[in-house]
């Protein structure tokens, strides 16, 4: 409840005068001049206690972690759980700023509009001479947490046309094309400007689809089966004599040295080697210096042969696995779905198949993402995202998790594209003509301080 403040002040002074007159004239009562707020807290919202910051210099009170988008249905009538001042005398300004009323914190309050129009209050010191004004703002997310946000437009024009590959090396995004004369780079915090850097030492006959990042280096395979390794910037290349002792037909994935801040012994670069005329899987040691002396299982006829895309993830038992998709050999019988292959050691890969009604349809140039505790598939043409929690049953998404607006006008797009995900959960997609743009998107809630 709010009551007229002038009568309260008058009553306070009358009480003070009466009390003082009853005391010895030599006795003096000193009241504190403290008019600051010591603590402020609202009742829980969706069972979460949101911490409020009190900026004494600016006179502002606000929650750093914004509340969920639909919290306005709660904060329209919410109680103040804690409001500590020296006097507990607080007045609030009317919206027109012409009236002051005593604030009764035992009544529920409406904080819905305080993001744009903060609640203006005045805290009075016990001496009733000093006072301090504050503005209370309850922040609520304005974005749907489960929507994929691509910003207001593309980050930049695509610097490359044709077949391309995008990788992240440290804090840089590197964009390669079949033309190995130069690469384009941009900081993961930028994306608007791309620098053209020359490449030294990379062979002319390298396989672009085999370009793989591992242990702060890039690796690539030549048509003759030799492996080349880059420096830490990805600009200087030289043959890796240790890995080139085997004839390598493809580099397909990598088990990372670290995942979610945890180191794993299964780290290694994964490839396909030719062993006695037979194609077999193999993996390097954790340093990437040499292949295992004992190759793994033979490569299945339905295993992808080009345009590999992989994603690391943890199983429910905490085992690091890698999921992989790619383009398969032409002419395979009943090759009508996109099959995901998984491995926990890189030397044996297993297909995950299910009833075709629940599987992902055949995608050209497929990409796989492990993102927001789910898996996503999409392909050339940007028709739609497919999502799965198990890598078995896939659902086409028709809302919220969508491509940027250009996908609407380019469902028949034939341009090659490249994709990667950075450490801040941004999805980067770039494509040549007819799309010709670099886009960066992220699920809104992955950018929230509090999920």
Protein backbone atom coordinates (compact mmCIF):
# COMPACT_ATOMS: atom_id res chain seq x y z
CA UNK A 1 0.00 0.00 0.00
CA UNK A 2 1.13 3.57 -0.69
CA UNK A 3 -0.17 6.46 1.49
CA UNK A 4 0.36 10.18 1.25
CA UNK A 5 3.88 10.89 2.41
CA UNK A 6 3.45 14.42 3.83
CA UNK A 7 1.25 13.27 6.71
CA UNK A 8 3.76 10.57 7.60
CA UNK A 9 6.65 13.04 7.71
CA UNK A 10 4.61 15.43 9.81
CA UNK A 11 3.69 12.67 12.22
CA UNK A 12 7.35 11.63 12.44
CA UNK A 13 8.45 15.16 13.41
CA UNK A 14 5.64 15.55 15.99
CA UNK A 15 6.69 12.30 17.64
CA UNK A 16 10.32 13.42 17.64
CA UNK A 17 9.47 16.76 19.30
CA UNK A 18 7.33 15.18 21.99
CA UNK A 19 9.96 12.57 22.76
CA UNK A 20 12.77 15.11 22.89
CA UNK A 21 10.84 17.48 25.19
CA UNK A 22 10.50 14.74 27.80
CA UNK A 23 14.24 14.30 28.05
CA UNK A 24 16.77 16.21 30.08
CA UNK A 25 17.71 19.38 28.27
CA UNK A 26 21.32 18.36 28.46
CA UNK A 27 20.64 15.09 26.65
CA UNK A 28 21.09 15.09 22.88
CA UNK A 29 19.90 12.39 20.50
CA UNK A 30 21.89 11.94 17.31
CA UNK A 31 20.16 10.23 14.41
CA UNK A 32 22.16 8.51 11.66
CA UNK A 33 22.60 10.37 8.36
CA UNK A 34 22.83 7.04 6.47
CA UNK A 35 20.42 7.13 3.52
CA UNK A 36 21.85 4.23 1.52
CA UNK A 37 20.31 0.89 0.58
CA UNK A 38 22.23 -1.99 2.14
CA UNK A 39 20.43 -4.93 0.48
CA UNK A 40 17.68 -5.51 -2.07
CA UNK A 41 16.12 -8.77 -3.20
CA UNK A 42 12.89 -9.89 -4.83
CA UNK A 43 10.99 -13.11 -4.29
CA UNK A 44 12.22 -16.02 -6.49
CA UNK A 45 11.24 -16.07 -10.16
CA UNK A 46 10.72 -19.59 -11.48
CA UNK A 47 12.39 -20.77 -8.25
CA UNK A 48 15.52 -18.75 -9.00
CA UNK A 49 16.83 -15.99 -6.72
CA UNK A 50 18.14 -13.21 -8.94
CA UNK A 51 20.94 -11.13 -7.44
CA UNK A 52 20.56 -7.37 -7.61
CA UNK A 53 23.46 -4.96 -7.93
CA UNK A 54 23.32 -1.72 -5.93
CA UNK A 55 25.35 1.01 -7.61
CA UNK A 56 25.69 3.59 -4.85
CA UNK A 57 27.46 6.14 -7.06
CA UNK A 58 24.85 6.16 -9.82
CA UNK A 59 21.94 5.39 -7.54
CA UNK A 60 20.87 2.39 -9.57
CA UNK A 61 19.56 -1.04 -8.57
CA UNK A 62 19.34 -3.76 -11.23
CA UNK A 63 19.77 -7.49 -11.84
CA UNK A 64 22.83 -8.33 -13.96
CA UNK A 65 21.37 -11.71 -14.96
CA UNK A 66 18.19 -10.90 -16.85
CA UNK A 67 15.08 -12.88 -15.98
CA UNK A 68 13.43 -15.20 -18.53
CA UNK A 69 11.47 -13.68 -21.38
CA UNK A 70 8.04 -14.52 -19.91
CA UNK A 71 8.83 -13.43 -16.34
CA UNK A 72 6.55 -10.41 -16.78
CA UNK A 73 3.67 -12.68 -15.74
CA UNK A 74 5.37 -12.98 -12.35
CA UNK A 75 6.88 -9.58 -11.72
CA UNK A 76 3.56 -7.80 -12.28
CA UNK A 77 2.71 -8.75 -8.69
CA UNK A 78 5.84 -9.64 -6.77
CA UNK A 79 6.98 -9.05 -3.20
CA UNK A 80 10.24 -7.50 -2.14
CA UNK A 81 11.96 -10.21 -0.13
CA UNK A 82 14.67 -7.99 1.34
CA UNK A 83 15.02 -4.22 1.49
CA UNK A 84 17.48 -3.03 4.11
CA UNK A 85 18.02 0.63 4.97
CA UNK A 86 18.93 2.43 8.20
CA UNK A 87 15.48 3.96 8.66
CA UNK A 88 13.20 1.72 6.58
CA UNK A 89 11.49 4.90 5.40
CA UNK A 90 11.26 4.77 1.60
CA UNK A 91 9.14 6.87 -0.68
CA UNK A 92 8.28 6.28 -4.31
CA UNK A 93 7.63 8.80 -7.05
CA UNK A 94 4.43 8.69 -9.05
CA UNK A 95 4.80 8.19 -12.81
CA UNK A 96 4.22 11.88 -13.46
CA UNK A 97 6.89 12.73 -10.84
CA UNK A 98 4.56 15.07 -8.94
CA UNK A 99 3.77 13.00 -5.86
CA UNK A 100 5.68 11.03 -3.24
CA UNK A 101 4.10 8.09 -1.44
CA UNK A 102 5.38 5.86 1.31
CA UNK A 103 6.44 2.49 -0.05
CA UNK A 104 5.00 -0.47 1.82
CA UNK A 105 7.27 -3.41 0.97
CA UNK A 106 4.71 -5.85 2.41
CA UNK A 107 2.51 -5.20 -0.62
CA UNK A 108 3.20 -6.75 -4.00
CA UNK A 109 4.59 -4.43 -6.66
CA UNK A 110 4.54 -4.22 -10.45
CA UNK A 111 8.04 -4.09 -11.98
CA UNK A 112 7.08 -4.91 -15.58
CA UNK A 113 7.85 -1.51 -17.12
CA UNK A 114 10.95 -0.69 -15.11
CA UNK A 115 13.39 -1.63 -17.90
CA UNK A 116 12.28 1.46 -19.83
CA UNK A 117 10.91 3.52 -16.96
CA UNK A 118 12.77 2.62 -13.72
CA UNK A 119 10.95 2.92 -10.43
CA UNK A 120 12.18 6.08 -8.70
CA UNK A 121 12.47 5.87 -4.93
CA UNK A 122 13.93 8.00 -2.17
CA UNK A 123 15.55 6.53 0.92
CA UNK A 124 15.40 8.76 4.01
CA UNK A 125 18.06 8.68 6.71
CA UNK A 126 16.98 8.35 10.37
CA UNK A 127 17.84 12.03 10.89
CA UNK A 128 15.19 12.88 8.25
CA UNK A 129 17.57 15.49 6.87
CA UNK A 130 19.58 13.31 4.49
CA UNK A 131 18.08 11.37 1.65
CA UNK A 132 19.25 9.50 -1.44
CA UNK A 133 17.43 8.77 -4.67
CA UNK A 134 17.60 5.43 -6.48
CA UNK A 135 16.21 3.94 -9.68
CA UNK A 136 15.11 0.29 -9.64
CA UNK A 137 15.18 -1.58 -12.92
CA UNK A 138 14.14 -5.24 -13.19
CA UNK A 139 15.68 -6.63 -16.37
CA UNK A 140 13.90 -9.28 -18.42
CA UNK A 141 15.16 -10.92 -21.63
CA UNK A 142 13.48 -9.54 -24.73
CA UNK A 143 14.64 -12.42 -26.93
CA UNK A 144 13.13 -15.87 -27.19
CA UNK A 145 15.79 -18.07 -25.53
CA UNK A 146 15.13 -20.98 -27.90
CA UNK A 147 15.38 -19.03 -31.16
CA UNK A 148 18.46 -18.97 -33.39
CA UNK A 149 19.45 -15.33 -33.86
CA UNK A 150 21.46 -14.34 -36.95
CA UNK A 151 21.52 -10.63 -36.20
CA UNK A 152 20.19 -7.92 -38.48
CA UNK A 153 22.11 -9.07 -41.53
CA UNK A 154 25.25 -10.80 -42.82
CA UNK A 155 28.60 -10.02 -41.22
CA UNK A 156 30.32 -9.45 -44.57
CA UNK A 157 30.36 -10.40 -48.21
CA UNK A 158 31.82 -13.85 -48.77
CA UNK A 159 35.48 -13.50 -49.83
CA UNK A 160 35.50 -16.89 -51.58
CA UNK A 161 33.40 -18.59 -54.22
CA UNK A 162 33.35 -22.26 -55.07
CA UNK A 163 34.42 -25.11 -52.80
CA UNK A 164 35.69 -23.92 -49.44
CA UNK A 165 36.54 -25.06 -45.92
CA UNK A 166 36.27 -23.05 -42.71
CA UNK A 167 38.26 -23.92 -39.59
CA UNK A 168 39.09 -22.24 -36.30
CA UNK A 169 42.70 -21.97 -35.17
CA UNK A 170 43.11 -20.38 -31.74
CA UNK A 171 41.02 -17.17 -31.93
CA UNK A 172 41.03 -16.87 -35.70
CA UNK A 173 38.65 -18.16 -38.36
CA UNK A 174 40.47 -19.35 -41.46
CA UNK A 175 38.71 -19.75 -44.79
CA UNK A 176 40.38 -21.92 -47.43
CA UNK A 177 39.43 -22.54 -51.05
CA UNK A 178 40.65 -24.91 -53.75
CA UNK A 179 42.95 -22.12 -54.82
CA UNK A 180 45.81 -22.43 -52.32
CA UNK A 181 47.48 -19.14 -53.10
CA UNK A 182 45.95 -17.39 -50.07
CA UNK A 183 43.60 -17.80 -47.15
CA UNK A 184 41.16 -15.36 -45.60
CA UNK A 185 41.17 -14.80 -41.85
CA UNK A 186 39.09 -12.93 -39.32
CA UNK A 187 39.04 -12.84 -35.53
CA UNK A 188 36.14 -14.80 -34.02
CA UNK A 189 35.16 -11.57 -32.28
CA UNK A 190 34.91 -9.77 -35.63
CA UNK A 191 33.71 -11.39 -38.85
CA UNK A 192 33.17 -8.05 -40.58
CA UNK A 193 36.68 -7.68 -41.99
CA UNK A 194 38.66 -10.49 -43.63
CA UNK A 195 42.39 -10.34 -44.30
CA UNK A 196 44.00 -12.05 -47.26
CA UNK A 197 47.17 -13.87 -46.13
CA UNK A 198 49.60 -15.70 -48.42
CA UNK A 199 50.26 -19.41 -47.94
CA UNK A 200 53.73 -20.90 -48.14
CA UNK A 201 54.57 -24.55 -48.68
CA UNK A 202 51.12 -26.00 -49.27
CA UNK A 203 51.14 -28.42 -52.24
CA UNK A 204 48.97 -27.63 -55.24
CA UNK A 205 47.28 -31.05 -55.21
CA UNK A 206 45.95 -31.04 -51.65
CA UNK A 207 42.48 -32.38 -50.84
CA UNK A 208 40.43 -29.49 -49.48
CA UNK A 209 37.89 -31.77 -47.79
CA UNK A 210 40.67 -33.41 -45.75
CA UNK A 211 41.66 -30.14 -44.06
CA UNK A 212 41.49 -30.88 -40.33
CA UNK A 213 42.35 -28.95 -37.17
CA UNK A 214 44.13 -30.77 -34.37
CA UNK A 215 46.29 -29.65 -31.43
CA UNK A 216 46.67 -26.04 -32.63
CA UNK A 217 47.79 -27.12 -36.11
CA UNK A 218 46.11 -27.80 -39.42
CA UNK A 219 46.63 -30.98 -41.41
CA UNK A 220 45.86 -31.84 -45.01
CA UNK A 221 46.39 -34.78 -47.41
CA UNK A 222 47.66 -34.67 -50.98
CA UNK A 223 46.44 -36.77 -53.89
CA UNK A 224 49.59 -38.92 -53.50
CA UNK A 225 48.75 -39.74 -49.87
CA UNK A 226 51.25 -37.41 -48.17
CA UNK A 227 50.33 -35.44 -45.04
CA UNK A 228 51.21 -31.77 -44.65
CA UNK A 229 51.09 -29.78 -41.41
CA UNK A 230 50.79 -26.02 -40.85
CA UNK A 231 52.33 -23.62 -38.36
CA UNK A 232 50.19 -22.13 -35.57
CA UNK A 233 48.86 -19.46 -37.93
CA UNK A 234 47.94 -21.86 -40.72
CA UNK A 235 50.02 -19.91 -43.24
CA UNK A 236 53.26 -21.95 -43.51
CA UNK A 237 53.11 -25.64 -44.47
CA UNK A 238 55.56 -28.52 -44.66
CA UNK A 239 55.34 -32.27 -45.13
CA UNK A 240 54.95 -34.29 -41.94
CA UNK A 241 57.47 -37.07 -42.43
CA UNK A 242 56.09 -39.17 -39.57
CA UNK A 243 52.50 -39.24 -40.82
CA UNK A 244 53.55 -39.56 -44.46
CA UNK A 245 55.14 -42.98 -43.79
CA UNK A 246 51.67 -44.43 -44.35
CA UNK A 247 49.73 -43.81 -47.55
CA UNK A 248 46.86 -41.65 -46.32
CA UNK A 249 43.80 -41.32 -48.54
CA UNK A 250 41.78 -39.05 -46.24
CA UNK A 251 41.82 -37.21 -42.94
CA UNK A 252 38.28 -37.49 -41.61
CA UNK A 253 38.14 -36.14 -38.04
CA UNK A 254 40.05 -35.53 -34.82
CA UNK A 255 39.54 -36.53 -31.22
CA UNK A 256 40.34 -33.26 -29.41
CA UNK A 257 43.08 -33.02 -26.82
CA UNK A 258 40.61 -31.16 -24.59
CA UNK A 259 36.82 -31.11 -24.43
CA UNK A 260 34.87 -28.79 -22.11
CA UNK A 261 38.06 -28.05 -20.23
CA UNK A 262 38.90 -31.72 -19.63
CA UNK A 263 41.85 -33.54 -21.22
CA UNK A 264 41.24 -36.96 -22.80
CA UNK A 265 43.70 -39.76 -23.50
CA UNK A 266 41.80 -40.67 -26.68
CA UNK A 267 43.12 -37.55 -28.45
CA UNK A 268 44.41 -38.08 -31.96
CA UNK A 269 44.04 -37.32 -35.65
CA UNK A 270 41.83 -39.82 -37.51
CA UNK A 271 42.40 -40.87 -41.09
CA UNK A 272 41.95 -43.57 -43.68
CA UNK A 273 45.12 -45.32 -44.80
CA UNK A 274 45.88 -47.86 -47.50
CA UNK A 275 47.20 -51.04 -45.89
CA UNK A 276 48.07 -53.88 -48.28
CA UNK A 277 45.64 -52.62 -50.87
CA UNK A 278 42.82 -52.31 -48.32
CA UNK A 279 41.43 -49.09 -46.89
CA UNK A 280 41.47 -49.05 -43.09
CA UNK A 281 40.82 -46.56 -40.31
CA UNK A 282 43.74 -45.39 -38.20
CA UNK A 283 44.48 -42.81 -35.55
CA UNK A 284 47.62 -41.01 -34.49
CA UNK A 285 49.02 -40.75 -31.00
CA UNK A 286 47.97 -37.83 -28.79
CA UNK A 287 50.76 -35.62 -30.13
CA UNK A 288 49.85 -36.33 -33.76
CA UNK A 289 53.39 -37.39 -34.61
CA UNK A 290 52.76 -40.94 -35.88
CA UNK A 291 50.06 -43.44 -36.79
CA UNK A 292 49.22 -46.46 -34.67
CA UNK A 293 51.26 -49.43 -35.86
CA UNK A 294 48.12 -51.57 -35.85
CA UNK A 295 45.48 -50.14 -38.21
CA UNK A 296 41.80 -50.40 -37.31
CA UNK A 297 38.87 -51.99 -39.11
CA UNK A 298 38.26 -51.90 -42.85
CA UNK A 299 36.29 -49.01 -44.29
CA UNK A 300 32.69 -49.93 -45.02
CA UNK A 301 31.43 -49.41 -48.57
CA UNK A 302 28.76 -47.04 -47.24
CA UNK A 303 31.19 -44.92 -45.24
CA UNK A 304 31.56 -41.34 -46.59
CA UNK A 305 34.36 -40.71 -49.05
CA UNK A 306 34.36 -36.91 -49.25
CA UNK A 307 33.20 -33.63 -47.64
CA UNK A 308 33.54 -34.95 -44.08
CA UNK A 309 31.89 -33.14 -41.19
CA UNK A 310 32.40 -34.24 -37.60
CA UNK A 311 31.40 -33.26 -34.07
CA UNK A 312 32.77 -34.33 -30.69
CA UNK A 313 30.40 -35.18 -27.85
CA UNK A 314 30.24 -37.01 -24.52
CA UNK A 315 28.09 -40.07 -24.03
CA UNK A 316 25.89 -40.41 -20.94
CA UNK A 317 28.69 -42.43 -19.36
CA UNK A 318 31.21 -39.67 -19.97
CA UNK A 319 33.07 -41.27 -22.89
CA UNK A 320 34.32 -38.93 -25.61
CA UNK A 321 32.91 -39.88 -29.02
CA UNK A 322 32.98 -38.36 -32.48
CA UNK A 323 30.00 -38.31 -34.84
CA UNK A 324 30.65 -37.99 -38.58
CA UNK A 325 28.75 -37.50 -41.84
CA UNK A 326 29.82 -36.89 -45.41
CA UNK A 327 29.11 -37.62 -49.03
CA UNK A 328 29.08 -41.27 -50.00
CA UNK A 329 30.10 -43.06 -53.16
CA UNK A 330 27.71 -42.56 -56.07
CA UNK A 331 25.49 -45.46 -57.09
CA UNK A 332 25.15 -47.21 -53.73
CA UNK A 333 21.93 -49.17 -53.39
CA UNK A 334 19.21 -47.65 -51.15
CA UNK A 335 21.46 -44.69 -50.34
CA UNK A 336 18.48 -42.45 -49.49
CA UNK A 337 19.25 -41.23 -45.97
CA UNK A 338 22.02 -39.34 -44.22
CA UNK A 339 23.68 -41.86 -41.96
CA UNK A 340 25.65 -40.73 -38.93
CA UNK A 341 28.75 -42.75 -38.06
CA UNK A 342 30.21 -42.75 -34.55
CA UNK A 343 33.42 -43.91 -32.91
CA UNK A 344 34.97 -43.83 -29.45
CA UNK A 345 38.52 -44.63 -30.63
CA UNK A 346 38.80 -43.54 -34.27
CA UNK A 347 39.81 -47.00 -35.47
CA UNK A 348 36.31 -48.50 -35.70
CA UNK A 349 33.23 -46.63 -36.91
CA UNK A 350 29.62 -47.70 -36.55
CA UNK A 351 26.55 -46.54 -38.53
CA UNK A 352 23.47 -45.40 -36.62
CA UNK A 353 20.43 -46.47 -38.59
CA UNK A 354 16.72 -46.70 -37.78
CA UNK A 355 13.32 -46.85 -39.47
CA UNK A 356 13.55 -44.60 -42.53
CA UNK A 357 10.48 -42.62 -41.42
CA UNK A 358 12.52 -41.28 -38.48
CA UNK A 359 15.85 -40.93 -40.23
CA UNK A 360 17.29 -37.81 -41.83
CA UNK A 361 16.78 -37.68 -45.60
CA UNK A 362 19.72 -37.69 -47.96
CA UNK A 363 21.52 -34.34 -47.77
CA UNK A 364 24.03 -33.01 -50.25
CA UNK A 365 27.23 -31.84 -48.57
CA UNK A 366 25.88 -32.60 -45.07
CA UNK A 367 27.15 -30.93 -41.90
CA UNK A 368 26.69 -32.14 -38.32
CA UNK A 369 26.73 -30.07 -35.14
CA UNK A 370 26.75 -31.01 -31.47
CA UNK A 371 25.00 -27.95 -30.12
CA UNK A 372 22.96 -27.05 -27.02
CA UNK A 373 22.82 -30.67 -25.81
CA UNK A 374 21.38 -31.85 -29.13
CA UNK A 375 22.62 -32.82 -32.58
CA UNK A 376 21.78 -30.96 -35.78
CA UNK A 377 22.13 -31.84 -39.46
CA UNK A 378 21.76 -29.63 -42.51
CA UNK A 379 23.05 -29.64 -46.06
CA UNK A 380 23.68 -27.67 -49.21
CA UNK A 381 20.70 -25.56 -50.18
CA UNK A 382 19.85 -24.74 -46.53
CA UNK A 383 16.40 -26.30 -46.68
CA UNK A 384 16.06 -26.91 -42.94
CA UNK A 385 17.79 -28.05 -39.78
CA UNK A 386 17.19 -31.58 -38.54
CA UNK A 387 17.51 -32.20 -34.79
CA UNK A 388 18.07 -35.33 -32.72
CA UNK A 389 18.90 -36.09 -29.11
CA UNK A 390 20.08 -39.64 -29.89
CA UNK A 391 21.66 -39.45 -33.39
CA UNK A 392 18.98 -41.95 -34.47
CA UNK A 393 15.60 -40.23 -34.76
CA UNK A 394 15.64 -36.91 -36.62
CA UNK A 395 13.01 -34.17 -36.75
CA UNK A 396 12.82 -31.37 -39.32
CA UNK A 397 12.56 -27.99 -37.59
CA UNK A 398 10.01 -25.50 -38.85
CA UNK A 399 10.29 -22.72 -36.25
CA UNK A 400 12.80 -20.92 -34.04
CA UNK A 401 15.93 -22.87 -35.11
CA UNK A 402 16.04 -21.60 -38.69
CA UNK A 403 18.47 -20.27 -41.26
CA UNK A 404 18.76 -16.53 -41.89
CA UNK A 405 16.39 -14.85 -44.32
CA UNK A 406 18.44 -15.67 -47.39
CA UNK A 407 17.44 -19.32 -47.05
CA UNK A 408 13.88 -18.42 -47.98
CA UNK A 409 15.02 -17.11 -51.35
CA UNK A 410 17.70 -19.69 -51.96
CA UNK A 411 16.22 -23.12 -51.29
CA UNK A 412 17.48 -24.20 -54.69
CA UNK A 413 20.91 -22.71 -54.06
CA UNK A 414 23.72 -24.68 -55.63
CA UNK A 415 26.60 -22.79 -54.08
CA UNK A 416 29.16 -24.62 -51.97
CA UNK A 417 29.38 -23.51 -48.38
CA UNK A 418 31.49 -23.83 -45.25
CA UNK A 419 30.50 -24.02 -41.59
CA UNK A 420 32.15 -23.98 -38.17
CA UNK A 421 31.26 -23.28 -34.52
CA UNK A 422 33.42 -21.15 -32.23
CA UNK A 423 34.03 -21.39 -28.47
CA UNK A 424 31.25 -18.88 -27.75
CA UNK A 425 28.65 -21.09 -29.47
CA UNK A 426 28.36 -18.92 -32.57
CA UNK A 427 27.56 -20.82 -35.77
CA UNK A 428 29.45 -19.44 -38.77
CA UNK A 429 28.25 -20.10 -42.31
CA UNK A 430 29.76 -18.70 -45.47
CA UNK A 431 28.87 -19.45 -49.05
CA UNK A 432 29.76 -18.29 -52.52
CA UNK A 433 27.27 -17.14 -55.11
CA UNK A 434 24.31 -16.95 -55.29
CA UNK A 435 24.25 -16.32 -51.51
CA UNK A 436 27.64 -14.68 -51.20
CA UNK A 437 27.64 -13.78 -47.50
CA UNK A 438 29.21 -14.58 -44.15
CA UNK A 439 26.62 -15.18 -41.42
CA UNK A 440 27.04 -15.67 -37.67
CA UNK A 441 24.21 -16.96 -35.49
CA UNK A 442 23.67 -18.24 -32.00
CA UNK A 443 20.84 -19.67 -29.94
CA UNK A 444 19.74 -16.73 -27.82
CA UNK A 445 19.97 -18.46 -24.45
CA UNK A 446 23.56 -19.54 -25.05
CA UNK A 447 24.46 -15.86 -24.85
CA UNK A 448 22.59 -15.34 -21.56
CA UNK A 449 24.58 -15.22 -18.33
CA UNK A 450 21.90 -17.37 -16.75
CA UNK A 451 20.33 -20.11 -18.88
